[in-house]
């Protein structure tokens, strides 16, 4: 094992606590604000703007946040910028055909 993905550790802790593919913003905020990565003294600080963004994700998904979606992964990056990678929406690529 070369490198430990601490964002994956944080996600494992969230998944173990919730034990469902979705969660309410209240549950997620309580969990995230109490967690910190092992190697970086970076407690999850959720600003009012980040709280609003998470609520928007929930609003678009019938009041629940999908834990395995791109938007939640991006939100985790904003809360833990040195620990979680930024997940971008992948652009559709086209392959040029040779004739």
Foldseek 3Di string as FASTA:
>chain_A
DPDDQQVVVLLVVVCVVPVDQKAALVSVVVSQQCDDGDPDPQRQDQDPVLSVQQQVCCVVVVRIHGSPDLSVLQSVCVRVVVRGDRDDDDDDDDDDDDD
